[in-house]
Amino acid sequence: MRKTLGLLSLAIAVVLFGPQTSVRPAAAQTPQSVLSAQIRLQGFTCDKALGATRDKKRSRPDYAVWVLRCSNATYRVSRPPDMAAKVEVLP
């Protein structure tokens, strides 16, 4: 019993007074980072995502349409829920 209390006290002391570790939050997910990852998974090239704007005219509820600007191309990305994105290369 005494040994268990000693180990418990030691564990609490290590947690409270031990070396402080910081947990780094995950990188902020922006629309451009999410969209560029999505199109890369589908085989398109996006070397560096420069920006993403929502196409309000083409978007509908549960069907988002974005224009993704990459350093090498511009894409229109349509994202229906639970399906692969529809990707069009824009001139």
C-alpha atoms as a PDB file:
ATOM      1  CA  MET A   1       0.000   0.000   0.000  1.00  0.00           C
ATOM      2  CA  ARG A   2       2.772   2.391   0.982  1.00  0.00           C
ATOM      3  CA  LYS A   3       4.710   1.632  -2.232  1.00  0.00           C
ATOM      4  CA  THR A   4       1.587   2.308  -4.341  1.00  0.00           C
ATOM      5  CA  LEU A   5       1.062   5.690  -2.662  1.00  0.00           C
ATOM      6  CA  GLY A   6       4.698   6.562  -3.253  1.00  0.00           C
ATOM      7  CA  LEU A   7       4.458   5.722  -6.956  1.00  0.00           C
ATOM      8  CA  LEU A   8       1.202   7.622  -7.262  1.00  0.00           C
ATOM      9  CA  SER A   9       2.739  10.667  -5.599  1.00  0.00           C
ATOM     10  CA  LEU A  10       5.742  10.451  -7.904  1.00  0.00           C
ATOM     11  CA  ALA A  11       3.512  10.213 -10.983  1.00  0.00           C
ATOM     12  CA  ILE A  12       1.496  13.252  -9.902  1.00  0.00           C
ATOM     13  CA  ALA A  13       4.678  15.228  -9.209  1.00  0.00           C
ATOM     14  CA  VAL A  14       6.081  14.385 -12.653  1.00  0.00           C
ATOM     15  CA  VAL A  15       2.861  15.475 -14.351  1.00  0.00           C
ATOM     16  CA  LEU A  16       2.591  18.712 -12.371  1.00  0.00           C
ATOM     17  CA  PHE A  17       6.231  19.721 -12.131  1.00  0.00           C
ATOM     18  CA  GLY A  18       7.961  17.793 -14.912  1.00  0.00           C
ATOM     19  CA  PRO A  19       9.220  19.262 -18.160  1.00  0.00           C
ATOM     20  CA  GLN A  20       6.591  21.294 -19.926  1.00  0.00           C
ATOM     21  CA  THR A  21       5.715  20.017 -23.352  1.00  0.00           C
ATOM     22  CA  SER A  22       3.763  22.114 -25.730  1.00  0.00           C
ATOM     23  CA  VAL A  23       1.289  20.618 -28.104  1.00  0.00           C
ATOM     24  CA  ARG A  24       1.491  22.422 -31.381  1.00  0.00           C
ATOM     25  CA  PRO A  25      -1.915  22.925 -32.988  1.00  0.00           C
ATOM     26  CA  ALA A  26      -2.435  21.542 -36.443  1.00  0.00           C
ATOM     27  CA  ALA A  27      -1.869  23.929 -39.295  1.00  0.00           C
ATOM     28  CA  ALA A  28      -4.881  26.089 -39.955  1.00  0.00           C
ATOM     29  CA  GLN A  29      -6.922  24.612 -42.740  1.00  0.00           C
ATOM     30  CA  THR A  30      -7.823  27.240 -45.267  1.00  0.00           C
ATOM     31  CA  PRO A  31     -10.068  26.596 -48.258  1.00  0.00           C
ATOM     32  CA  GLN A  32      -7.052  26.789 -50.557  1.00  0.00           C
ATOM     33  CA  SER A  33      -5.110  24.163 -48.579  1.00  0.00           C
ATOM     34  CA  VAL A  34      -8.099  21.806 -48.440  1.00  0.00           C
ATOM     35  CA  LEU A  35      -8.914  22.230 -52.139  1.00  0.00           C
ATOM     36  CA  SER A  36      -5.316  21.869 -53.276  1.00  0.00           C
ATOM     37  CA  ALA A  37      -4.972  18.653 -51.267  1.00  0.00           C
ATOM     38  CA  GLN A  38      -8.221  17.376 -52.782  1.00  0.00           C
ATOM     39  CA  ILE A  39      -7.195  17.958 -56.392  1.00  0.00           C
ATOM     40  CA  ARG A  40      -3.717  16.512 -55.783  1.00  0.00           C
ATOM     41  CA  LEU A  41      -5.360  13.317 -54.528  1.00  0.00           C
ATOM     42  CA  GLN A  42      -7.318  13.205 -57.764  1.00  0.00           C
ATOM     43  CA  GLY A  43      -4.178  13.477 -59.911  1.00  0.00           C
ATOM     44  CA  PHE A  44      -4.044  17.189 -60.715  1.00  0.00           C
ATOM     45  CA  THR A  45      -0.963  19.338 -60.158  1.00  0.00           C
ATOM     46  CA  CYS A  46      -1.037  22.288 -57.791  1.00  0.00           C
ATOM     47  CA  ASP A  47       2.540  23.273 -57.003  1.00  0.00           C
ATOM     48  CA  LYS A  48       1.621  26.124 -54.667  1.00  0.00           C
ATOM     49  CA  ALA A  49      -1.912  27.205 -53.798  1.00  0.00           C
ATOM     50  CA  LEU A  50      -2.154  30.988 -54.161  1.00  0.00           C
ATOM     51  CA  GLY A  51      -5.804  31.493 -53.280  1.00  0.00           C
ATOM     52  CA  ALA A  52      -9.340  30.167 -53.428  1.00  0.00           C
ATOM     53  CA  THR A  53     -12.553  32.106 -53.959  1.00  0.00           C
ATOM     54  CA  ARG A  54     -16.073  30.773 -53.712  1.00  0.00           C
ATOM     55  CA  ASP A  55     -18.069  30.972 -56.924  1.00  0.00           C
ATOM     56  CA  LYS A  56     -21.372  32.177 -55.469  1.00  0.00           C
ATOM     57  CA  LYS A  57     -23.126  32.107 -58.838  1.00  0.00           C
ATOM     58  CA  ARG A  58     -22.469  28.384 -59.408  1.00  0.00           C
ATOM     59  CA  SER A  59     -22.670  27.233 -55.781  1.00  0.00           C
ATOM     60  CA  ARG A  60     -25.856  25.798 -54.292  1.00  0.00           C
ATOM     61  CA  PRO A  61     -26.740  24.402 -50.896  1.00  0.00           C
ATOM     62  CA  ASP A  62     -24.705  21.201 -50.410  1.00  0.00           C
ATOM     63  CA  TYR A  63     -22.746  21.878 -53.629  1.00  0.00           C
ATOM     64  CA  ALA A  64     -19.840  24.273 -53.215  1.00  0.00           C
ATOM     65  CA  VAL A  65     -17.968  25.596 -56.237  1.00  0.00           C
ATOM     66  CA  TRP A  66     -14.571  27.215 -55.815  1.00  0.00           C
ATOM     67  CA  VAL A  67     -11.976  28.761 -58.115  1.00  0.00           C
ATOM     68  CA  LEU A  68      -8.532  27.640 -56.962  1.00  0.00           C
ATOM     69  CA  ARG A  69      -5.493  29.564 -58.170  1.00  0.00           C
ATOM     70  CA  CYS A  70      -2.241  27.613 -58.119  1.00  0.00           C
ATOM     71  CA  SER A  71       1.194  28.746 -59.266  1.00  0.00           C
ATOM     72  CA  ASN A  72       0.946  26.530 -62.346  1.00  0.00           C
ATOM     73  CA  ALA A  73      -2.803  26.566 -63.205  1.00  0.00           C
ATOM     74  CA  THR A  74      -6.283  27.728 -62.232  1.00  0.00           C
ATOM     75  CA  TYR A  75      -9.032  25.229 -61.471  1.00  0.00           C
ATOM     76  CA  ARG A  76     -12.773  25.303 -60.895  1.00  0.00           C
ATOM     77  CA  VAL A  77     -13.491  22.759 -58.185  1.00  0.00           C
ATOM     78  CA  SER A  78     -17.062  21.574 -57.556  1.00  0.00           C
ATOM     79  CA  ARG A  79     -17.536  19.672 -54.317  1.00  0.00           C
ATOM     80  CA  PRO A  80     -20.689  17.610 -53.956  1.00  0.00           C
ATOM     81  CA  PRO A  81     -21.038  15.990 -50.529  1.00  0.00           C
ATOM     82  CA  ASP A  82     -19.560  12.485 -50.081  1.00  0.00           C
ATOM     83  CA  MET A  83     -18.194  12.326 -53.634  1.00  0.00           C
ATOM     84  CA  ALA A  84     -14.986  13.150 -55.448  1.00  0.00           C
ATOM     85  CA  ALA A  85     -14.586  16.746 -56.525  1.00  0.00           C
ATOM     86  CA  LYS A  86     -15.280  17.714 -60.129  1.00  0.00           C
ATOM     87  CA  VAL A  87     -12.195  19.586 -61.357  1.00  0.00           C
ATOM     88  CA  GLU A  88     -12.032  21.767 -64.466  1.00  0.00           C
ATOM     89  CA  VAL A  89      -8.850  23.438 -65.688  1.00  0.00           C
ATOM     90  CA  LEU A  90      -9.548  27.101 -66.466  1.00  0.00           C
ATOM     91  CA  PRO A  91      -7.646  29.044 -69.114  1.00  0.00           C
END
